[in-house]
């Protein structure tokens, strides 16, 4: 029998999963509070509930990790979220900076049949509009190998394959600078003082900050 969880519990599980994936470590209460924009005391209460349901391991001063069941639930939520994002962009003409909040609501629909049918309707997409990999129905997922634009060297060419920051403001910035998934960038120079870069994109050169370059996943060519 499938465990019944509230939307808030699902949001916590997904947040812990997201932080674990990016850090590879146990997750501190403060990190969860920061991710969910809530109080540390509220996080502590929820961690106890999730621990009682055997969805997380928690040790004082060592942080929180998802159990295998907790991870399985998180991956299912992520799968629904990313498939809904594809549908919203491909079929309803939303832009990539508009879909996150909508998908946050849609990901809580419980029907696995619905999401499997939606995936088939979309012809089994492998990545969402931000370049994040979509788990298959068995929960298999291939994460980005964390190669960021900030690690590229002068003279190297690379293709943008994803974004680490999927906030609306960052995605709008990329739209304004005409950087998108699939854009081919060449590193012209790197400023020693602040690691800002001059890049070439579509035969046009532009300067981007280190903050921007460390939020773009790339594949070196």
N, C-alpha and C. Protein backbone atom coordinates (compact mmCIF):
# COMPACT_ATOMS: atom_id res chain seq x y z
N UNK A 1 0.85 -1.20 0.00
CA UNK A 1 0.00 0.00 0.00
C UNK A 1 0.88 1.25 0.00
N UNK A 2 0.57 2.19 -0.93
CA UNK A 2 1.40 3.39 -1.06
C UNK A 2 1.18 4.33 0.11
N UNK A 3 2.29 4.86 0.62
CA UNK A 3 2.25 5.77 1.75
C UNK A 3 1.59 7.09 1.34
N UNK A 4 0.65 7.58 2.15
CA UNK A 4 -0.01 8.84 1.84
C UNK A 4 0.75 9.98 2.49
N UNK A 5 1.10 10.95 1.67
CA UNK A 5 1.88 12.09 2.14
C UNK A 5 1.17 13.38 1.78
N UNK A 6 1.35 14.39 2.63
CA UNK A 6 0.80 15.71 2.34
C UNK A 6 1.70 16.41 1.31
N UNK A 7 1.20 17.48 0.72
CA UNK A 7 2.01 18.25 -0.22
C UNK A 7 3.25 18.81 0.48
N UNK A 8 3.08 19.23 1.72
CA UNK A 8 4.23 19.78 2.46
C UNK A 8 5.30 18.72 2.67
N UNK A 9 4.88 17.51 3.03
CA UNK A 9 5.85 16.42 3.20
C UNK A 9 6.57 16.12 1.89
N UNK A 10 5.82 16.11 0.80
CA UNK A 10 6.44 15.87 -0.51
C UNK A 10 7.44 16.98 -0.85
N UNK A 11 7.10 18.21 -0.53
CA UNK A 11 8.01 19.32 -0.80
C UNK A 11 9.31 19.18 -0.02
N UNK A 12 9.21 18.73 1.22
CA UNK A 12 10.42 18.52 2.03
C UNK A 12 11.27 17.40 1.44
N UNK A 13 10.63 16.32 1.06
CA UNK A 13 11.38 15.18 0.50
C UNK A 13 12.11 15.60 -0.77
N UNK A 14 11.43 16.36 -1.62
CA UNK A 14 12.05 16.80 -2.88
C UNK A 14 13.19 17.78 -2.60
N UNK A 15 13.01 18.65 -1.61
CA UNK A 15 14.06 19.61 -1.28
C UNK A 15 15.32 18.90 -0.76
N UNK A 16 15.12 17.92 0.13
CA UNK A 16 16.27 17.16 0.65
C UNK A 16 16.97 16.44 -0.49
N UNK A 17 16.19 15.84 -1.37
CA UNK A 17 16.76 15.13 -2.53
C UNK A 17 17.60 16.08 -3.39
N UNK A 18 17.05 17.26 -3.69
CA UNK A 18 17.74 18.23 -4.53
C UNK A 18 19.08 18.63 -3.93
N UNK A 19 19.10 18.89 -2.63
CA UNK A 19 20.35 19.30 -1.97
C UNK A 19 21.34 18.13 -1.94
N UNK A 20 20.84 16.94 -1.63
CA UNK A 20 21.71 15.75 -1.63
C UNK A 20 22.39 15.54 -2.98
N UNK A 21 21.60 15.67 -4.06
CA UNK A 21 22.14 15.46 -5.41
C UNK A 21 23.28 16.43 -5.70
N UNK A 22 23.10 17.69 -5.29
CA UNK A 22 24.10 18.71 -5.61
C UNK A 22 25.33 18.65 -4.70
N UNK A 23 25.16 18.16 -3.48
CA UNK A 23 26.30 18.18 -2.54
C UNK A 23 26.89 16.80 -2.31
N UNK A 24 26.07 15.75 -2.47
CA UNK A 24 26.55 14.40 -2.19
C UNK A 24 26.73 14.13 -0.71
N UNK A 25 26.15 14.98 0.12
CA UNK A 25 26.35 14.87 1.57
C UNK A 25 25.01 14.89 2.30
N UNK A 26 25.06 14.57 3.59
CA UNK A 26 23.88 14.75 4.44
C UNK A 26 23.50 16.23 4.44
N UNK A 27 22.23 16.48 4.65
CA UNK A 27 21.70 17.84 4.49
C UNK A 27 21.41 18.46 5.85
N UNK A 28 21.92 19.65 6.08
CA UNK A 28 21.70 20.31 7.36
C UNK A 28 20.30 20.91 7.42
N UNK A 29 19.82 21.09 8.66
CA UNK A 29 18.51 21.71 8.88
C UNK A 29 18.47 23.10 8.27
N UNK A 30 19.55 23.86 8.42
CA UNK A 30 19.58 25.23 7.89
C UNK A 30 19.49 25.25 6.37
N UNK A 31 20.12 24.28 5.70
CA UNK A 31 20.07 24.21 4.24
C UNK A 31 18.63 23.94 3.77
N UNK A 32 17.95 23.05 4.47
CA UNK A 32 16.55 22.75 4.12
C UNK A 32 15.69 23.99 4.35
N UNK A 33 15.90 24.67 5.48
CA UNK A 33 15.14 25.89 5.79
C UNK A 33 15.36 26.95 4.73
N UNK A 34 16.60 27.08 4.29
CA UNK A 34 16.94 28.06 3.25
C UNK A 34 16.27 27.71 1.93
N UNK A 35 16.29 26.43 1.58
CA UNK A 35 15.72 25.97 0.31
C UNK A 35 14.21 26.21 0.28
N UNK A 36 13.54 25.95 1.40
CA UNK A 36 12.08 26.05 1.47
C UNK A 36 11.59 27.39 2.03
N UNK A 37 12.55 28.26 2.35
CA UNK A 37 12.21 29.59 2.88
C UNK A 37 11.30 29.47 4.11
N UNK A 38 11.77 28.68 5.07
CA UNK A 38 11.01 28.48 6.29
C UNK A 38 11.94 28.52 7.49
N UNK A 39 11.40 28.32 8.69
CA UNK A 39 12.20 28.38 9.91
C UNK A 39 12.86 27.03 10.19
N UNK A 40 14.03 27.09 10.82
CA UNK A 40 14.73 25.86 11.19
C UNK A 40 13.90 25.01 12.14
N UNK A 41 13.13 25.66 13.01
CA UNK A 41 12.30 24.90 13.96
C UNK A 41 11.21 24.11 13.23
N UNK A 42 10.66 24.69 12.15
CA UNK A 42 9.65 23.98 11.35
C UNK A 42 10.28 22.78 10.66
N UNK A 43 11.51 22.96 10.19
CA UNK A 43 12.22 21.85 9.54
C UNK A 43 12.44 20.71 10.52
N UNK A 44 12.86 21.04 11.72
CA UNK A 44 13.11 20.00 12.73
C UNK A 44 11.85 19.18 13.01
N UNK A 45 10.71 19.86 13.10
CA UNK A 45 9.45 19.15 13.33
C UNK A 45 9.12 18.21 12.18
N UNK A 46 9.33 18.68 10.94
CA UNK A 46 9.01 17.86 9.78
C UNK A 46 9.97 16.69 9.65
N UNK A 47 11.24 16.91 9.95
CA UNK A 47 12.23 15.82 9.87
C UNK A 47 11.85 14.69 10.82
N UNK A 48 11.34 15.05 11.99
CA UNK A 48 10.89 14.02 12.94
C UNK A 48 9.74 13.21 12.34
N UNK A 49 8.78 13.90 11.71
CA UNK A 49 7.65 13.20 11.09
C UNK A 49 8.13 12.26 9.99
N UNK A 50 9.03 12.76 9.15
CA UNK A 50 9.52 11.94 8.04
C UNK A 50 10.37 10.77 8.55
N UNK A 51 11.07 11.00 9.64
CA UNK A 51 11.87 9.93 10.24
C UNK A 51 10.95 8.84 10.80
N UNK A 52 9.85 9.25 11.43
CA UNK A 52 8.88 8.29 11.97
C UNK A 52 8.26 7.44 10.85
N UNK A 53 8.17 8.02 9.64
CA UNK A 53 7.63 7.29 8.49
C UNK A 53 8.73 6.55 7.71
N UNK A 54 9.94 6.58 8.29
CA UNK A 54 11.09 5.88 7.70
C UNK A 54 11.43 6.37 6.29
N UNK A 55 11.31 7.68 6.10
CA UNK A 55 11.63 8.28 4.81
C UNK A 55 12.97 9.03 4.85
N UNK A 56 13.45 9.33 6.06
CA UNK A 56 14.77 9.96 6.20
C UNK A 56 15.51 9.34 7.38
N UNK A 57 16.83 9.43 7.28
CA UNK A 57 17.70 9.15 8.43
C UNK A 57 18.11 10.50 8.99
N UNK A 58 18.10 10.62 10.31
CA UNK A 58 18.54 11.87 10.91
C UNK A 58 19.43 11.57 12.11
N UNK A 59 20.58 12.24 12.15
CA UNK A 59 21.45 12.17 13.32
C UNK A 59 21.82 13.60 13.72
N UNK A 60 21.68 13.89 14.99
CA UNK A 60 21.99 15.22 15.49
C UNK A 60 23.42 15.60 15.12
N UNK A 61 23.59 16.80 14.64
CA UNK A 61 24.88 17.37 14.20
C UNK A 61 25.44 16.72 12.93
N UNK A 62 24.76 15.71 12.40
CA UNK A 62 25.24 15.07 11.18
C UNK A 62 24.30 15.27 9.99
N UNK A 63 23.12 15.80 10.25
CA UNK A 63 22.22 16.13 9.16
C UNK A 63 21.26 15.01 8.80
N UNK A 64 20.61 15.19 7.65
CA UNK A 64 19.53 14.32 7.20
C UNK A 64 19.86 13.71 5.85
N UNK A 65 19.51 12.44 5.68
CA UNK A 65 19.61 11.78 4.38
C UNK A 65 18.32 11.02 4.11
N UNK A 66 17.95 10.92 2.85
CA UNK A 66 16.77 10.14 2.51
C UNK A 66 17.05 8.65 2.61
N UNK A 67 16.08 7.88 3.08
CA UNK A 67 16.16 6.43 3.01
C UNK A 67 15.91 6.02 1.55
N UNK A 68 16.04 4.75 1.25
CA UNK A 68 15.80 4.29 -0.12
C UNK A 68 14.35 4.57 -0.52
N UNK A 69 13.41 4.40 0.42
CA UNK A 69 12.01 4.69 0.11
C UNK A 69 11.81 6.18 -0.09
N UNK A 70 12.44 6.98 0.75
CA UNK A 70 12.34 8.43 0.61
C UNK A 70 12.88 8.91 -0.74
N UNK A 71 14.02 8.33 -1.13
CA UNK A 71 14.61 8.70 -2.43
C UNK A 71 13.69 8.29 -3.57
N UNK A 72 13.08 7.11 -3.47
CA UNK A 72 12.17 6.64 -4.51
C UNK A 72 10.99 7.60 -4.68
N UNK A 73 10.44 8.06 -3.56
CA UNK A 73 9.33 9.01 -3.61
C UNK A 73 9.79 10.33 -4.23
N UNK A 74 10.98 10.81 -3.82
CA UNK A 74 11.50 12.07 -4.36
C UNK A 74 11.67 12.01 -5.87
N UNK A 75 12.20 10.90 -6.36
CA UNK A 75 12.43 10.76 -7.81
C UNK A 75 11.11 10.77 -8.57
N UNK A 76 10.08 10.15 -7.99
CA UNK A 76 8.75 10.17 -8.64
C UNK A 76 8.19 11.59 -8.72
N UNK A 77 8.41 12.38 -7.67
CA UNK A 77 7.93 13.77 -7.67
C UNK A 77 8.70 14.58 -8.72
N UNK A 78 10.01 14.39 -8.75
CA UNK A 78 10.85 15.09 -9.74
C UNK A 78 10.42 14.71 -11.15
N UNK A 79 10.16 13.43 -11.35
CA UNK A 79 9.71 12.95 -12.67
C UNK A 79 8.43 13.67 -13.11
N UNK A 80 7.44 13.74 -12.21
CA UNK A 80 6.19 14.41 -12.54
C UNK A 80 6.42 15.89 -12.84
N UNK A 81 7.22 16.53 -12.00
CA UNK A 81 7.50 17.96 -12.17
C UNK A 81 8.10 18.24 -13.54
N UNK A 82 9.08 17.46 -13.93
CA UNK A 82 9.79 17.74 -15.19
C UNK A 82 8.98 17.38 -16.42
N UNK A 83 8.17 16.34 -16.33
CA UNK A 83 7.29 16.00 -17.46
C UNK A 83 6.22 17.08 -17.63
N UNK A 84 5.68 17.59 -16.54
CA UNK A 84 4.71 18.68 -16.64
C UNK A 84 5.35 19.92 -17.25
N UNK A 85 6.60 20.20 -16.91
CA UNK A 85 7.28 21.36 -17.49
C UNK A 85 7.40 21.21 -19.01
N UNK A 86 7.74 20.01 -19.47
CA UNK A 86 7.83 19.77 -20.92
C UNK A 86 6.48 20.03 -21.57
N UNK A 87 5.41 19.51 -20.96
CA UNK A 87 4.08 19.68 -21.52
C UNK A 87 3.70 21.17 -21.60
N UNK A 88 3.97 21.91 -20.55
CA UNK A 88 3.61 23.33 -20.51
C UNK A 88 4.34 24.14 -21.57
N UNK A 89 5.61 23.82 -21.78
CA UNK A 89 6.40 24.55 -22.78
C UNK A 89 6.04 24.10 -24.20
N UNK A 90 5.99 22.79 -24.41
CA UNK A 90 5.79 22.27 -25.77
C UNK A 90 4.36 22.41 -26.27
N UNK A 91 3.39 22.29 -25.36
CA UNK A 91 2.00 22.20 -25.80
C UNK A 91 1.13 23.40 -25.44
N UNK A 92 1.54 24.16 -24.44
CA UNK A 92 0.73 25.31 -24.03
C UNK A 92 1.48 26.64 -24.21
N UNK A 93 2.65 26.58 -24.84
CA UNK A 93 3.41 27.79 -25.21
C UNK A 93 3.85 28.64 -24.02
N UNK A 94 4.04 28.03 -22.87
CA UNK A 94 4.69 28.75 -21.78
C UNK A 94 6.18 28.87 -22.08
N UNK A 95 6.82 29.88 -21.53
CA UNK A 95 8.26 30.02 -21.68
C UNK A 95 8.95 29.30 -20.52
N UNK A 96 10.25 29.03 -20.67
CA UNK A 96 10.94 28.22 -19.66
C UNK A 96 11.04 28.90 -18.31
N UNK A 97 10.87 30.24 -18.27
CA UNK A 97 10.92 30.94 -16.99
C UNK A 97 9.56 30.99 -16.29
N UNK A 98 8.51 30.48 -16.96
CA UNK A 98 7.15 30.55 -16.39
C UNK A 98 6.68 29.23 -15.79
N UNK A 99 7.35 28.12 -16.09
CA UNK A 99 6.73 26.82 -15.83
C UNK A 99 7.01 26.23 -14.44
N UNK A 100 8.05 26.71 -13.77
CA UNK A 100 8.44 26.05 -12.51
C UNK A 100 7.32 26.08 -11.48
N UNK A 101 6.75 27.26 -11.24
CA UNK A 101 5.73 27.37 -10.19
C UNK A 101 4.48 26.56 -10.53
N UNK A 102 4.11 26.52 -11.80
CA UNK A 102 2.96 25.72 -12.22
C UNK A 102 3.24 24.23 -12.00
N UNK A 103 4.44 23.79 -12.39
CA UNK A 103 4.80 22.38 -12.22
C UNK A 103 4.88 22.00 -10.74
N UNK A 104 5.21 22.98 -9.87
CA UNK A 104 5.23 22.73 -8.43
C UNK A 104 3.84 22.33 -7.94
N UNK A 105 2.81 22.87 -8.56
CA UNK A 105 1.44 22.51 -8.18
C UNK A 105 1.03 21.17 -8.80
N UNK A 106 1.37 20.99 -10.07
CA UNK A 106 0.94 19.80 -10.79
C UNK A 106 1.66 18.53 -10.33
N UNK A 107 2.85 18.67 -9.78
CA UNK A 107 3.63 17.48 -9.37
C UNK A 107 2.97 16.70 -8.24
N UNK A 108 1.99 17.30 -7.58
CA UNK A 108 1.35 16.62 -6.44
C UNK A 108 0.14 15.78 -6.86
N UNK A 109 -0.21 15.81 -8.14
CA UNK A 109 -1.27 14.92 -8.63
C UNK A 109 -0.78 13.49 -8.46
N UNK A 110 -1.58 12.65 -7.82
CA UNK A 110 -1.09 11.33 -7.40
C UNK A 110 -1.03 10.28 -8.51
N UNK A 111 -1.80 10.44 -9.58
CA UNK A 111 -1.95 9.38 -10.57
C UNK A 111 -0.68 9.07 -11.36
N UNK A 112 -0.12 7.88 -11.15
CA UNK A 112 1.02 7.43 -11.95
C UNK A 112 0.60 7.12 -13.39
N UNK A 113 -0.64 6.65 -13.54
CA UNK A 113 -1.16 6.37 -14.89
C UNK A 113 -1.17 7.63 -15.73
N UNK A 114 -1.63 8.73 -15.13
CA UNK A 114 -1.69 9.99 -15.85
C UNK A 114 -0.30 10.42 -16.31
N UNK A 115 0.69 10.37 -15.42
CA UNK A 115 2.02 10.87 -15.80
C UNK A 115 2.66 9.95 -16.84
N UNK A 116 2.39 8.63 -16.76
CA UNK A 116 2.93 7.71 -17.78
C UNK A 116 2.30 7.97 -19.14
N UNK A 117 0.98 8.26 -19.14
CA UNK A 117 0.31 8.57 -20.41
C UNK A 117 0.79 9.90 -20.97
N UNK A 118 1.01 10.87 -20.08
CA UNK A 118 1.52 12.17 -20.52
C UNK A 118 2.92 12.03 -21.11
N UNK A 119 3.75 11.22 -20.46
CA UNK A 119 5.11 10.97 -20.98
C UNK A 119 5.05 10.37 -22.38
N UNK A 120 4.17 9.39 -22.57
CA UNK A 120 4.03 8.75 -23.89
C UNK A 120 3.51 9.76 -24.92
N UNK A 121 2.54 10.58 -24.52
CA UNK A 121 1.99 11.61 -25.41
C UNK A 121 3.09 12.57 -25.88
N UNK A 122 4.04 12.86 -24.99
CA UNK A 122 5.14 13.78 -25.31
C UNK A 122 6.30 13.08 -26.01
N UNK A 123 6.10 11.77 -26.32
CA UNK A 123 7.12 10.97 -27.01
C UNK A 123 8.37 10.74 -26.16
N UNK A 124 8.14 10.49 -24.87
CA UNK A 124 9.19 10.07 -23.94
C UNK A 124 10.39 11.04 -23.92
N UNK A 125 10.15 12.29 -23.49
CA UNK A 125 11.26 13.25 -23.40
C UNK A 125 12.29 12.80 -22.37
N UNK A 126 13.55 13.10 -22.63
CA UNK A 126 14.63 12.71 -21.70
C UNK A 126 15.06 13.85 -20.79
N UNK A 127 14.75 15.10 -21.20
CA UNK A 127 15.15 16.27 -20.41
C UNK A 127 14.02 17.29 -20.37
N UNK A 128 13.98 18.05 -19.29
CA UNK A 128 12.97 19.11 -19.19
C UNK A 128 13.45 20.37 -19.91
N UNK A 129 12.65 21.44 -19.95
CA UNK A 129 13.06 22.64 -20.70
C UNK A 129 14.31 23.34 -20.17
N UNK A 130 14.74 22.99 -18.94
CA UNK A 130 15.95 23.59 -18.37
C UNK A 130 17.17 22.68 -18.53
N UNK A 131 16.98 21.55 -19.22
CA UNK A 131 18.08 20.63 -19.45
C UNK A 131 18.26 19.59 -18.37
N UNK A 132 17.37 19.56 -17.38
CA UNK A 132 17.47 18.57 -16.30
C UNK A 132 16.94 17.22 -16.78
N UNK A 133 17.63 16.13 -16.45
CA UNK A 133 17.19 14.80 -16.91
C UNK A 133 15.90 14.36 -16.24
N UNK A 134 15.05 13.69 -17.02
CA UNK A 134 13.77 13.19 -16.50
C UNK A 134 13.93 11.72 -16.11
N UNK A 135 13.64 11.37 -14.86
CA UNK A 135 13.70 9.95 -14.47
C UNK A 135 12.70 9.13 -15.28
N UNK A 136 13.06 7.88 -15.61
CA UNK A 136 12.09 7.02 -16.30
C UNK A 136 11.11 6.45 -15.27
N UNK A 137 10.14 5.65 -15.73
CA UNK A 137 9.09 5.17 -14.82
C UNK A 137 9.62 4.20 -13.77
N UNK A 138 10.84 3.68 -13.99
CA UNK A 138 11.46 2.79 -13.00
C UNK A 138 12.35 3.56 -12.03
N UNK A 139 12.41 4.89 -12.19
CA UNK A 139 13.19 5.71 -11.27
C UNK A 139 14.64 5.89 -11.65
N UNK A 140 15.04 5.41 -12.83
CA UNK A 140 16.42 5.59 -13.27
C UNK A 140 16.62 7.02 -13.75
N UNK A 141 17.73 7.62 -13.37
CA UNK A 141 18.01 9.00 -13.76
C UNK A 141 19.52 9.18 -13.91
N UNK A 142 19.90 9.90 -14.96
CA UNK A 142 21.33 10.18 -15.18
C UNK A 142 21.56 11.66 -14.92
N UNK A 143 22.20 11.97 -13.81
CA UNK A 143 22.42 13.36 -13.43
C UNK A 143 23.53 13.99 -14.26
N UNK A 144 23.48 15.33 -14.32
CA UNK A 144 24.56 16.06 -14.98
C UNK A 144 25.89 15.72 -14.32
N UNK A 145 26.90 15.52 -15.14
CA UNK A 145 28.26 15.49 -14.58
C UNK A 145 28.62 16.97 -14.42
N UNK A 146 28.84 17.38 -13.20
CA UNK A 146 28.87 18.80 -12.87
C UNK A 146 29.98 19.58 -13.56
N UNK A 147 29.89 19.72 -14.88
CA UNK A 147 30.83 20.54 -15.63
C UNK A 147 30.15 21.89 -15.85
N UNK A 148 30.69 22.90 -15.21
CA UNK A 148 30.11 24.23 -15.31
C UNK A 148 30.92 25.07 -16.29
N UNK A 149 30.26 26.05 -16.86
CA UNK A 149 30.96 26.97 -17.77
C UNK A 149 32.14 27.62 -17.06
N UNK A 150 32.02 27.83 -15.76
CA UNK A 150 33.09 28.48 -14.99
C UNK A 150 34.39 27.67 -14.99
N UNK A 151 34.31 26.36 -15.32
CA UNK A 151 35.52 25.53 -15.34
C UNK A 151 36.20 25.52 -16.70
N UNK A 152 35.58 26.15 -17.70
CA UNK A 152 36.16 26.16 -19.05
C UNK A 152 37.37 27.08 -19.11
N UNK A 153 38.25 26.79 -20.05
CA UNK A 153 39.49 27.56 -20.22
C UNK A 153 39.40 28.42 -21.50
N UNK A 154 40.26 29.42 -21.55
CA UNK A 154 40.31 30.30 -22.72
C UNK A 154 40.57 29.48 -23.98
N UNK A 155 39.78 29.74 -25.01
CA UNK A 155 39.94 29.04 -26.29
C UNK A 155 39.06 27.82 -26.43
N UNK A 156 38.47 27.34 -25.32
CA UNK A 156 37.64 26.14 -25.39
C UNK A 156 36.25 26.48 -25.93
N UNK A 157 35.65 25.49 -26.61
CA UNK A 157 34.29 25.59 -27.10
C UNK A 157 33.40 24.64 -26.31
N UNK A 158 32.17 25.03 -26.05
CA UNK A 158 31.27 24.17 -25.30
C UNK A 158 29.82 24.46 -25.70
N UNK A 159 28.95 23.50 -25.37
CA UNK A 159 27.52 23.63 -25.63
C UNK A 159 26.78 23.69 -24.30
N UNK A 160 25.84 24.61 -24.19
CA UNK A 160 25.02 24.72 -22.97
C UNK A 160 24.03 23.56 -22.93
N UNK A 161 24.06 22.79 -21.84
CA UNK A 161 23.17 21.63 -21.73
C UNK A 161 22.20 21.72 -20.55
N UNK A 162 22.35 22.74 -19.70
CA UNK A 162 21.44 22.86 -18.57
C UNK A 162 21.75 24.07 -17.72
N UNK A 163 20.85 24.33 -16.78
CA UNK A 163 21.04 25.45 -15.85
C UNK A 163 20.96 24.93 -14.42
N UNK A 164 21.83 25.45 -13.58
CA UNK A 164 21.78 25.10 -12.16
C UNK A 164 20.73 25.94 -11.44
N UNK A 165 20.65 27.20 -11.84
CA UNK A 165 19.66 28.13 -11.28
C UNK A 165 18.50 28.22 -12.26
N UNK A 166 17.32 27.74 -11.86
CA UNK A 166 16.16 27.79 -12.76
C UNK A 166 15.17 28.87 -12.33
N UNK A 167 15.66 29.87 -11.60
CA UNK A 167 14.79 30.98 -11.19
C UNK A 167 14.36 31.77 -12.42
N UNK A 168 13.20 32.38 -12.32
CA UNK A 168 12.67 33.17 -13.43
C UNK A 168 13.62 34.29 -13.82
N UNK A 169 14.22 34.97 -12.85
CA UNK A 169 15.11 36.11 -13.14
C UNK A 169 16.34 35.66 -13.92
N UNK A 170 16.90 34.50 -13.56
CA UNK A 170 18.09 34.00 -14.26
C UNK A 170 17.74 33.59 -15.69
N UNK A 171 16.62 32.90 -15.85
CA UNK A 171 16.22 32.45 -17.18
C UNK A 171 15.89 33.63 -18.09
N UNK A 172 15.28 34.67 -17.53
CA UNK A 172 15.01 35.87 -18.32
C UNK A 172 16.32 36.54 -18.72
N UNK A 173 17.30 36.54 -17.83
CA UNK A 173 18.61 37.10 -18.16
C UNK A 173 19.22 36.34 -19.34
N UNK A 174 19.14 35.01 -19.30
CA UNK A 174 19.69 34.22 -20.40
C UNK A 174 18.96 34.53 -21.71
N UNK A 175 17.63 34.67 -21.64
CA UNK A 175 16.87 35.03 -22.85
C UNK A 175 17.36 36.37 -23.41
N UNK A 176 17.59 37.34 -22.52
CA UNK A 176 18.02 38.67 -22.95
C UNK A 176 19.41 38.65 -23.57
N UNK A 177 20.26 37.71 -23.11
CA UNK A 177 21.61 37.62 -23.66
C UNK A 177 21.70 36.57 -24.76
N UNK A 178 20.51 36.00 -25.12
CA UNK A 178 20.42 35.03 -26.21
C UNK A 178 21.27 33.77 -25.97
N UNK A 179 21.29 33.35 -24.68
CA UNK A 179 21.91 32.07 -24.32
C UNK A 179 20.79 31.10 -23.99
N UNK A 180 20.80 29.93 -24.60
CA UNK A 180 19.76 28.94 -24.38
C UNK A 180 20.37 27.54 -24.45
N UNK A 181 19.57 26.53 -24.17
CA UNK A 181 20.06 25.16 -24.31
C UNK A 181 20.47 24.94 -25.77
N UNK A 182 21.65 24.37 -25.94
CA UNK A 182 22.15 24.13 -27.29
C UNK A 182 23.05 25.23 -27.81
N UNK A 183 23.09 26.39 -27.12
CA UNK A 183 23.98 27.47 -27.56
C UNK A 183 25.43 27.01 -27.51
N UNK A 184 26.18 27.31 -28.56
CA UNK A 184 27.60 26.99 -28.59
C UNK A 184 28.39 28.24 -28.22
N UNK A 185 29.20 28.11 -27.19
CA UNK A 185 29.96 29.24 -26.66
C UNK A 185 31.46 28.99 -26.81
N UNK A 186 32.19 30.04 -27.11
CA UNK A 186 33.66 29.96 -27.13
C UNK A 186 34.18 30.94 -26.09
N UNK A 187 35.13 30.49 -25.27
CA UNK A 187 35.70 31.33 -24.23
C UNK A 187 36.81 32.17 -24.86
N UNK A 188 36.59 33.48 -24.91
CA UNK A 188 37.56 34.39 -25.52
C UNK A 188 38.61 34.83 -24.51
N UNK A 189 38.15 35.20 -23.30
CA UNK A 189 39.09 35.61 -22.25
C UNK A 189 38.43 35.45 -20.89
N UNK A 190 39.26 35.36 -19.85
CA UNK A 190 38.77 35.27 -18.47
C UNK A 190 39.50 36.34 -17.66
N UNK A 191 38.75 37.19 -16.97
CA UNK A 191 39.32 38.26 -16.17
C UNK A 191 39.88 37.69 -14.86
N UNK A 192 41.16 37.91 -14.64
CA UNK A 192 41.82 37.36 -13.44
C UNK A 192 41.22 37.91 -12.16
N UNK A 193 40.77 39.16 -12.17
CA UNK A 193 40.29 39.80 -10.95
C UNK A 193 39.03 39.15 -10.39
N UNK A 194 38.03 38.91 -11.24
CA UNK A 194 36.75 38.42 -10.73
C UNK A 194 36.21 37.19 -11.49
N UNK A 195 37.05 36.62 -12.37
CA UNK A 195 36.69 35.42 -13.15
C UNK A 195 35.50 35.65 -14.09
N UNK A 196 35.18 36.91 -14.38
CA UNK A 196 34.19 37.16 -15.42
C UNK A 196 34.80 36.74 -16.76
N UNK A 197 33.93 36.47 -17.73
CA UNK A 197 34.38 35.92 -19.02
C UNK A 197 33.89 36.78 -20.18
N UNK A 198 34.69 36.82 -21.23
CA UNK A 198 34.20 37.27 -22.52
C UNK A 198 33.95 35.99 -23.32
N UNK A 199 32.71 35.81 -23.77
CA UNK A 199 32.37 34.64 -24.56
C UNK A 199 31.86 35.05 -25.93
N UNK A 200 31.98 34.14 -26.86
CA UNK A 200 31.42 34.36 -28.19
C UNK A 200 30.22 33.45 -28.37
N UNK A 201 29.11 34.03 -28.80
CA UNK A 201 27.88 33.28 -28.99
C UNK A 201 27.18 33.86 -30.22
N UNK A 202 26.92 33.00 -31.22
CA UNK A 202 26.28 33.47 -32.46
C UNK A 202 27.06 34.62 -33.10
N UNK A 203 28.39 34.46 -33.15
CA UNK A 203 29.28 35.46 -33.77
C UNK A 203 29.25 36.81 -33.08
N UNK A 204 28.76 36.81 -31.84
CA UNK A 204 28.73 38.05 -31.06
C UNK A 204 29.43 37.82 -29.73
N UNK A 205 30.25 38.77 -29.31
CA UNK A 205 30.96 38.64 -28.04
C UNK A 205 30.24 39.41 -26.95
N UNK A 206 30.24 38.82 -25.74
CA UNK A 206 29.61 39.49 -24.60
C UNK A 206 30.32 39.10 -23.32
N UNK A 207 30.19 39.92 -22.31
CA UNK A 207 30.80 39.65 -21.01
C UNK A 207 29.76 39.04 -20.08
N UNK A 208 30.14 37.98 -19.37
CA UNK A 208 29.25 37.41 -18.36
C UNK A 208 30.02 37.26 -17.05
N UNK A 209 29.32 37.43 -15.96
CA UNK A 209 29.94 37.37 -14.63
C UNK A 209 30.23 35.92 -14.23
N UNK A 210 31.03 35.79 -13.19
CA UNK A 210 31.33 34.46 -12.64
C UNK A 210 30.05 33.83 -12.09
N UNK A 211 29.16 34.65 -11.54
CA UNK A 211 27.89 34.16 -11.02
C UNK A 211 27.08 33.47 -12.12
N UNK A 212 27.13 34.03 -13.32
CA UNK A 212 26.42 33.43 -14.45
C UNK A 212 27.11 32.14 -14.88
N UNK A 213 28.43 32.18 -15.03
CA UNK A 213 29.13 31.01 -15.58
C UNK A 213 29.09 29.80 -14.67
N UNK A 214 28.94 30.03 -13.35
CA UNK A 214 28.90 28.88 -12.44
C UNK A 214 27.47 28.34 -12.28
N UNK A 215 26.54 28.90 -13.05
CA UNK A 215 25.17 28.39 -13.04
C UNK A 215 24.75 27.79 -14.39
N UNK A 216 25.71 27.57 -15.28
CA UNK A 216 25.43 26.97 -16.57
C UNK A 216 26.16 25.63 -16.71
N UNK A 217 25.42 24.55 -16.92
CA UNK A 217 26.03 23.26 -17.22
C UNK A 217 26.40 23.24 -18.70
N UNK A 218 27.61 22.78 -19.00
CA UNK A 218 28.05 22.73 -20.40
C UNK A 218 28.70 21.39 -20.72
N UNK A 219 28.74 21.12 -22.00
CA UNK A 219 29.47 19.96 -22.52
C UNK A 219 30.58 20.51 -23.39
N UNK A 220 31.82 20.16 -23.06
CA UNK A 220 32.94 20.68 -23.84
C UNK A 220 33.02 19.96 -25.19
N UNK A 221 33.31 20.71 -26.24
CA UNK A 221 33.36 20.16 -27.59
C UNK A 221 34.80 19.80 -27.96
